[in-house]
Amino acid sequence: MDQYLEECIILDLDIELIKMKNLFIILFLLSFSLSFSQTKTDAFFVDGVCGMCKDRIERSCIKVKGIRLADWNLENREIKVIYNAKKISIDEIHKFIASIGHDTKKEKAPDEAYNSLDMCCKYRDEEVVKDHQ
């Protein structure tokens, strides 16, 4: 009976050791993956004047591979983006936003893209800007 009890205790200790070892491996892998995560957050100016602009900018950005969140503030015309830097660079995000018709500090929208915006979204037109104030 004593020998049986000793074997049970040893078996229990082995199980606990295996659990601790597995826990250590899980924690190591989790910390490893977090340290190599390339999620970044940036905020920058994007020109626009209305709710349609907001909708276009946010919906278009969120469809781009690597961008996890896009939140454009109409009042200060600043966008906050959360993105994976392994999949897309901040310069590529600026270029993409310009390609849908909105100027940023780094990229001016091509005339063709800007001209395709709805009339109420023509942020370069002073009259349109005044109408939105």
N, C-alpha and C. Protein backbone atom coordinates (compact mmCIF):
# COMPACT_ATOMS: atom_id res chain seq x y z
N MET A 1 0.82 -1.19 0.00
CA MET A 1 0.00 0.00 0.00
C MET A 1 0.87 1.26 0.00
N ASP A 2 1.97 1.26 0.77
CA ASP A 2 2.86 2.40 0.82
C ASP A 2 3.51 2.64 -0.55
N GLN A 3 3.86 1.56 -1.20
CA GLN A 3 4.47 1.69 -2.51
C GLN A 3 3.46 2.28 -3.50
N TYR A 4 2.21 1.84 -3.44
CA TYR A 4 1.16 2.35 -4.30
C TYR A 4 0.96 3.85 -4.07
N LEU A 5 0.96 4.27 -2.81
CA LEU A 5 0.81 5.67 -2.43
C LEU A 5 1.97 6.51 -2.97
N GLU A 6 3.19 5.96 -2.87
CA GLU A 6 4.36 6.67 -3.38
C GLU A 6 4.27 6.84 -4.90
N GLU A 7 3.82 5.81 -5.60
CA GLU A 7 3.68 5.89 -7.06
C GLU A 7 2.63 6.93 -7.45
N CYS A 8 1.56 7.00 -6.69
CA CYS A 8 0.51 8.00 -6.96
C CYS A 8 1.04 9.42 -6.76
N ILE A 9 1.82 9.62 -5.71
CA ILE A 9 2.39 10.94 -5.44
C ILE A 9 3.36 11.32 -6.55
N ILE A 10 4.20 10.36 -6.96
CA ILE A 10 5.15 10.63 -8.04
C ILE A 10 4.41 10.94 -9.34
N LEU A 11 3.34 10.19 -9.61
CA LEU A 11 2.54 10.42 -10.81
C LEU A 11 1.90 11.81 -10.77
N ASP A 12 1.38 12.21 -9.60
CA ASP A 12 0.80 13.55 -9.43
C ASP A 12 1.85 14.63 -9.67
N LEU A 13 3.05 14.43 -9.16
CA LEU A 13 4.12 15.40 -9.35
C LEU A 13 4.50 15.50 -10.83
N ASP A 14 4.53 14.35 -11.52
CA ASP A 14 4.83 14.35 -12.94
C ASP A 14 3.77 15.12 -13.74
N ILE A 15 2.52 14.93 -13.39
CA ILE A 15 1.43 15.64 -14.07
C ILE A 15 1.54 17.14 -13.84
N GLU A 16 1.82 17.54 -12.61
CA GLU A 16 1.99 18.97 -12.31
C GLU A 16 3.17 19.56 -13.06
N LEU A 17 4.25 18.79 -13.16
CA LEU A 17 5.42 19.24 -13.88
C LEU A 17 5.10 19.43 -15.37
N ILE A 18 4.35 18.52 -15.94
CA ILE A 18 3.94 18.62 -17.35
C ILE A 18 3.05 19.85 -17.55
N LYS A 19 2.12 20.08 -16.62
CA LYS A 19 1.25 21.25 -16.72
C LYS A 19 2.06 22.54 -16.68
N MET A 20 3.02 22.61 -15.77
CA MET A 20 3.84 23.81 -15.65
C MET A 20 4.68 24.00 -16.91
N LYS A 21 5.20 22.91 -17.44
CA LYS A 21 6.00 22.98 -18.65
C LYS A 21 5.15 23.49 -19.83
N ASN A 22 3.94 22.97 -19.97
CA ASN A 22 3.03 23.42 -21.03
C ASN A 22 2.66 24.89 -20.86
N LEU A 23 2.42 25.30 -19.64
CA LEU A 23 2.10 26.69 -19.36
C LEU A 23 3.27 27.59 -19.75
N PHE A 24 4.46 27.18 -19.41
CA PHE A 24 5.66 27.94 -19.77
C PHE A 24 5.79 28.07 -21.29
N ILE A 25 5.55 26.99 -22.00
CA ILE A 25 5.64 27.01 -23.47
C ILE A 25 4.60 27.95 -24.06
N ILE A 26 3.38 27.91 -23.55
CA ILE A 26 2.32 28.79 -24.03
C ILE A 26 2.69 30.25 -23.78
N LEU A 27 3.16 30.56 -22.59
CA LEU A 27 3.55 31.94 -22.27
C LEU A 27 4.70 32.41 -23.15
N PHE A 28 5.65 31.53 -23.39
CA PHE A 28 6.78 31.88 -24.24
C PHE A 28 6.31 32.18 -25.66
N LEU A 29 5.47 31.33 -26.21
CA LEU A 29 4.98 31.54 -27.58
C LEU A 29 4.14 32.81 -27.67
N LEU A 30 3.34 33.08 -26.68
CA LEU A 30 2.52 34.29 -26.67
C LEU A 30 3.40 35.54 -26.63
N SER A 31 4.39 35.55 -25.76
CA SER A 31 5.27 36.72 -25.69
C SER A 31 6.09 36.87 -26.96
N PHE A 32 6.48 35.77 -27.55
CA PHE A 32 7.23 35.79 -28.81
C PHE A 32 6.39 36.40 -29.93
N SER A 33 5.14 35.97 -30.05
CA SER A 33 4.28 36.49 -31.12
C SER A 33 3.95 37.95 -30.89
N LEU A 34 3.77 38.38 -29.66
CA LEU A 34 3.48 39.78 -29.38
C LEU A 34 4.68 40.67 -29.67
N SER A 35 5.87 40.17 -29.41
CA SER A 35 7.05 40.99 -29.65
C SER A 35 7.31 41.21 -31.14
N PHE A 36 6.82 40.30 -31.99
CA PHE A 36 7.00 40.45 -33.42
C PHE A 36 5.78 41.01 -34.12
N SER A 37 4.76 41.34 -33.38
CA SER A 37 3.58 41.96 -33.96
C SER A 37 3.95 43.35 -34.45
N GLN A 38 3.49 43.70 -35.62
CA GLN A 38 3.85 44.97 -36.22
C GLN A 38 2.65 45.93 -36.27
N THR A 39 1.74 45.81 -35.31
CA THR A 39 0.60 46.70 -35.27
C THR A 39 1.04 48.08 -34.83
N LYS A 40 0.68 49.08 -35.64
CA LYS A 40 1.04 50.46 -35.34
C LYS A 40 -0.20 51.33 -35.41
N THR A 41 -0.11 52.47 -34.74
CA THR A 41 -1.17 53.47 -34.77
C THR A 41 -0.57 54.79 -35.22
N ASP A 42 -1.23 55.44 -36.15
CA ASP A 42 -0.78 56.75 -36.62
C ASP A 42 -2.00 57.64 -36.83
N ALA A 43 -1.78 58.94 -36.74
CA ALA A 43 -2.82 59.93 -37.01
C ALA A 43 -2.23 61.00 -37.90
N PHE A 44 -3.00 61.44 -38.90
CA PHE A 44 -2.51 62.48 -39.81
C PHE A 44 -3.69 63.17 -40.48
N PHE A 45 -3.41 64.32 -41.08
CA PHE A 45 -4.40 65.15 -41.74
C PHE A 45 -4.87 64.53 -43.05
N VAL A 46 -6.20 64.52 -43.25
CA VAL A 46 -6.80 64.11 -44.51
C VAL A 46 -7.89 65.14 -44.82
N ASP A 47 -7.82 65.76 -45.98
CA ASP A 47 -8.79 66.80 -46.32
C ASP A 47 -10.13 66.20 -46.72
N GLY A 48 -11.19 66.88 -46.31
CA GLY A 48 -12.56 66.49 -46.60
C GLY A 48 -13.49 67.46 -45.88
N VAL A 49 -14.79 67.43 -46.21
CA VAL A 49 -15.68 68.44 -45.65
C VAL A 49 -17.00 67.93 -45.08
N CYS A 50 -17.33 66.66 -45.29
CA CYS A 50 -18.68 66.25 -44.89
C CYS A 50 -18.74 64.78 -44.46
N GLY A 51 -19.93 64.39 -44.10
CA GLY A 51 -20.17 63.01 -43.68
C GLY A 51 -19.93 62.00 -44.80
N MET A 52 -20.21 62.41 -46.03
CA MET A 52 -19.93 61.50 -47.16
C MET A 52 -18.43 61.26 -47.29
N CYS A 53 -17.65 62.30 -47.04
CA CYS A 53 -16.19 62.15 -47.07
C CYS A 53 -15.76 61.15 -45.99
N LYS A 54 -16.30 61.35 -44.79
CA LYS A 54 -15.97 60.46 -43.67
C LYS A 54 -16.27 59.01 -44.02
N ASP A 55 -17.46 58.80 -44.56
CA ASP A 55 -17.89 57.45 -44.92
C ASP A 55 -16.96 56.85 -45.97
N ARG A 56 -16.63 57.62 -47.01
CA ARG A 56 -15.77 57.14 -48.09
C ARG A 56 -14.38 56.80 -47.57
N ILE A 57 -13.81 57.70 -46.78
CA ILE A 57 -12.45 57.50 -46.28
C ILE A 57 -12.38 56.26 -45.39
N GLU A 58 -13.29 56.17 -44.43
CA GLU A 58 -13.25 55.04 -43.48
C GLU A 58 -13.56 53.72 -44.16
N ARG A 59 -14.62 53.68 -44.96
CA ARG A 59 -15.00 52.41 -45.61
C ARG A 59 -13.94 51.93 -46.59
N SER A 60 -13.36 52.87 -47.32
CA SER A 60 -12.33 52.48 -48.30
C SER A 60 -11.08 51.97 -47.59
N CYS A 61 -10.67 52.67 -46.53
CA CYS A 61 -9.45 52.26 -45.82
C CYS A 61 -9.58 50.89 -45.18
N ILE A 62 -10.72 50.64 -44.57
CA ILE A 62 -10.88 49.38 -43.84
C ILE A 62 -10.86 48.17 -44.78
N LYS A 63 -11.09 48.40 -46.06
CA LYS A 63 -11.04 47.31 -47.05
C LYS A 63 -9.62 46.97 -47.48
N VAL A 64 -8.68 47.85 -47.16
CA VAL A 64 -7.29 47.65 -47.57
C VAL A 64 -6.62 46.64 -46.65
N LYS A 65 -5.95 45.67 -47.25
CA LYS A 65 -5.25 44.65 -46.48
C LYS A 65 -4.18 45.30 -45.60
N GLY A 66 -4.25 45.01 -44.31
CA GLY A 66 -3.27 45.56 -43.38
C GLY A 66 -3.82 46.67 -42.51
N ILE A 67 -4.90 47.33 -42.94
CA ILE A 67 -5.51 48.38 -42.12
C ILE A 67 -6.61 47.75 -41.28
N ARG A 68 -6.48 47.90 -39.97
CA ARG A 68 -7.44 47.29 -39.05
C ARG A 68 -8.53 48.27 -38.61
N LEU A 69 -8.18 49.55 -38.54
CA LEU A 69 -9.15 50.56 -38.11
C LEU A 69 -8.82 51.87 -38.80
N ALA A 70 -9.86 52.58 -39.21
CA ALA A 70 -9.70 53.92 -39.78
C ALA A 70 -10.83 54.77 -39.20
N ASP A 71 -10.46 55.83 -38.51
CA ASP A 71 -11.45 56.71 -37.90
C ASP A 71 -11.09 58.15 -38.25
N TRP A 72 -11.90 58.76 -39.14
CA TRP A 72 -11.62 60.12 -39.59
C TRP A 72 -12.51 61.09 -38.83
N ASN A 73 -11.90 62.13 -38.27
CA ASN A 73 -12.61 63.14 -37.49
C ASN A 73 -12.90 64.33 -38.40
N LEU A 74 -14.18 64.62 -38.60
CA LEU A 74 -14.60 65.70 -39.49
C LEU A 74 -14.18 67.08 -38.97
N GLU A 75 -14.20 67.25 -37.66
CA GLU A 75 -13.89 68.57 -37.08
C GLU A 75 -12.43 68.98 -37.30
N ASN A 76 -11.51 68.08 -37.00
CA ASN A 76 -10.09 68.45 -37.17
C ASN A 76 -9.46 67.83 -38.42
N ARG A 77 -10.27 67.09 -39.18
CA ARG A 77 -9.86 66.45 -40.43
C ARG A 77 -8.61 65.58 -40.25
N GLU A 78 -8.62 64.83 -39.15
CA GLU A 78 -7.51 63.94 -38.85
C GLU A 78 -8.01 62.50 -38.84
N ILE A 79 -7.23 61.63 -39.42
CA ILE A 79 -7.58 60.22 -39.41
C ILE A 79 -6.66 59.49 -38.46
N LYS A 80 -7.24 58.55 -37.74
CA LYS A 80 -6.46 57.65 -36.89
C LYS A 80 -6.54 56.28 -37.55
N VAL A 81 -5.37 55.71 -37.84
CA VAL A 81 -5.34 54.38 -38.46
C VAL A 81 -4.54 53.42 -37.58
N ILE A 82 -5.06 52.23 -37.46
CA ILE A 82 -4.34 51.13 -36.83
C ILE A 82 -4.08 50.13 -37.95
N TYR A 83 -2.82 49.79 -38.13
CA TYR A 83 -2.45 48.97 -39.27
C TYR A 83 -1.29 48.03 -38.93
N ASN A 84 -1.12 47.03 -39.77
CA ASN A 84 -0.03 46.07 -39.64
C ASN A 84 1.09 46.52 -40.57
N ALA A 85 2.18 46.98 -39.98
CA ALA A 85 3.30 47.52 -40.76
C ALA A 85 3.99 46.47 -41.63
N LYS A 86 3.74 45.19 -41.36
CA LYS A 86 4.31 44.15 -42.21
C LYS A 86 3.54 44.05 -43.53
N LYS A 87 2.28 44.50 -43.51
CA LYS A 87 1.43 44.38 -44.69
C LYS A 87 1.30 45.68 -45.47
N ILE A 88 1.40 46.82 -44.79
CA ILE A 88 1.24 48.11 -45.46
C ILE A 88 2.03 49.17 -44.70
N SER A 89 2.62 50.09 -45.44
CA SER A 89 3.39 51.17 -44.81
C SER A 89 2.51 52.41 -44.66
N ILE A 90 2.94 53.33 -43.83
CA ILE A 90 2.19 54.58 -43.66
C ILE A 90 2.19 55.38 -44.96
N ASP A 91 3.27 55.32 -45.72
CA ASP A 91 3.31 56.01 -47.01
C ASP A 91 2.30 55.42 -47.99
N GLU A 92 2.15 54.10 -47.96
CA GLU A 92 1.16 53.45 -48.83
C GLU A 92 -0.25 53.84 -48.43
N ILE A 93 -0.48 54.04 -47.14
CA ILE A 93 -1.80 54.48 -46.68
C ILE A 93 -2.09 55.89 -47.19
N HIS A 94 -1.10 56.78 -47.11
CA HIS A 94 -1.27 58.14 -47.66
C HIS A 94 -1.59 58.07 -49.16
N LYS A 95 -0.86 57.26 -49.89
CA LYS A 95 -1.09 57.14 -51.33
C LYS A 95 -2.47 56.59 -51.63
N PHE A 96 -2.90 55.62 -50.83
CA PHE A 96 -4.23 55.05 -51.05
C PHE A 96 -5.31 56.10 -50.83
N ILE A 97 -5.20 56.84 -49.74
CA ILE A 97 -6.22 57.86 -49.45
C ILE A 97 -6.25 58.91 -50.55
N ALA A 98 -5.09 59.30 -51.06
CA ALA A 98 -5.04 60.24 -52.19
C ALA A 98 -5.70 59.63 -53.42
N SER A 99 -5.56 58.33 -53.61
CA SER A 99 -6.13 57.68 -54.79
C SER A 99 -7.65 57.67 -54.78
N ILE A 100 -8.26 57.85 -53.61
CA ILE A 100 -9.72 57.90 -53.54
C ILE A 100 -10.23 59.35 -53.54
N GLY A 101 -9.30 60.31 -53.74
CA GLY A 101 -9.71 61.69 -53.93
C GLY A 101 -9.45 62.65 -52.79
N HIS A 102 -8.76 62.22 -51.74
CA HIS A 102 -8.55 63.08 -50.58
C HIS A 102 -7.06 63.36 -50.37
N ASP A 103 -6.74 64.66 -50.25
CA ASP A 103 -5.36 65.08 -50.00
C ASP A 103 -4.95 64.73 -48.58
N THR A 104 -3.68 64.39 -48.41
CA THR A 104 -3.09 64.23 -47.08
C THR A 104 -1.89 65.18 -47.03
N LYS A 105 -1.21 65.23 -45.91
CA LYS A 105 -0.02 66.08 -45.81
C LYS A 105 1.09 65.57 -46.74
N LYS A 106 1.13 64.26 -46.99
CA LYS A 106 2.20 63.69 -47.81
C LYS A 106 1.83 63.52 -49.29
N GLU A 107 0.54 63.37 -49.57
CA GLU A 107 0.11 63.06 -50.94
C GLU A 107 -1.07 63.93 -51.36
N LYS A 108 -0.98 64.48 -52.54
CA LYS A 108 -2.10 65.22 -53.12
C LYS A 108 -2.88 64.26 -54.01
N ALA A 109 -4.20 64.31 -53.89
CA ALA A 109 -5.03 63.44 -54.71
C ALA A 109 -4.89 63.82 -56.19
N PRO A 110 -4.79 62.84 -57.06
CA PRO A 110 -4.75 63.15 -58.50
C PRO A 110 -6.05 63.85 -58.90
N ASP A 111 -5.96 64.74 -59.88
CA ASP A 111 -7.14 65.50 -60.32
C ASP A 111 -8.29 64.58 -60.71
N GLU A 112 -7.98 63.48 -61.37
CA GLU A 112 -9.02 62.53 -61.80
C GLU A 112 -9.78 61.98 -60.59
N ALA A 113 -9.06 61.62 -59.55
CA ALA A 113 -9.71 61.08 -58.33
C ALA A 113 -10.51 62.17 -57.63
N TYR A 114 -9.91 63.37 -57.51
CA TYR A 114 -10.61 64.48 -56.85
C TYR A 114 -11.88 64.85 -57.63
N ASN A 115 -11.79 64.92 -58.93
CA ASN A 115 -12.94 65.31 -59.76
C ASN A 115 -14.06 64.29 -59.73
N SER A 116 -13.76 63.06 -59.34
CA SER A 116 -14.80 62.03 -59.26
C SER A 116 -15.61 62.11 -57.96
N LEU A 117 -15.19 62.98 -57.03
CA LEU A 117 -15.94 63.15 -55.78
C LEU A 117 -17.26 63.85 -56.06
N ASP A 118 -18.26 63.58 -55.20
CA ASP A 118 -19.54 64.28 -55.29
C ASP A 118 -19.31 65.77 -55.09
N MET A 119 -20.21 66.60 -55.62
CA MET A 119 -20.06 68.06 -55.52
C MET A 119 -19.94 68.52 -54.07
N CYS A 120 -20.66 67.90 -53.16
CA CYS A 120 -20.61 68.35 -51.76
C CYS A 120 -19.29 67.98 -51.08
N CYS A 121 -18.47 67.19 -51.74
CA CYS A 121 -17.20 66.75 -51.16
C CYS A 121 -15.99 67.49 -51.72
N LYS A 122 -16.20 68.47 -52.55
CA LYS A 122 -15.10 69.19 -53.21
C LYS A 122 -14.44 70.16 -52.22
N TYR A 123 -13.58 69.63 -51.39
CA TYR A 123 -12.94 70.40 -50.32
C TYR A 123 -11.99 71.48 -50.82
N ARG A 124 -11.58 71.44 -52.05
CA ARG A 124 -10.71 72.47 -52.61
C ARG A 124 -11.50 73.71 -53.05
N ASP A 125 -12.82 73.58 -53.15
CA ASP A 125 -13.70 74.67 -53.56
C ASP A 125 -14.12 75.47 -52.32
N GLU A 126 -13.74 76.74 -52.27
CA GLU A 126 -14.03 77.57 -51.09
C GLU A 126 -15.52 77.67 -50.80
N GLU A 127 -16.34 77.71 -51.85
CA GLU A 127 -17.79 77.82 -51.65
C GLU A 127 -18.34 76.55 -50.97
N VAL A 128 -17.85 75.42 -51.38
CA VAL A 128 -18.29 74.15 -50.76
C VAL A 128 -17.87 74.12 -49.30
N VAL A 129 -16.66 74.55 -49.02
CA VAL A 129 -16.17 74.58 -47.64
C VAL A 129 -17.04 75.51 -46.80
N LYS A 130 -17.36 76.70 -47.33
CA LYS A 130 -18.22 77.65 -46.60
C LYS A 130 -19.60 77.05 -46.34
N ASP A 131 -20.13 76.32 -47.31
CA ASP A 131 -21.47 75.71 -47.14
C ASP A 131 -21.49 74.68 -46.01
N HIS A 132 -20.36 74.11 -45.70
CA HIS A 132 -20.29 73.07 -44.65
C HIS A 132 -19.97 73.62 -43.29
N GLN A 133 -19.76 74.92 -43.18
CA GLN A 133 -19.40 75.48 -41.86
C GLN A 133 -20.62 75.88 -41.08
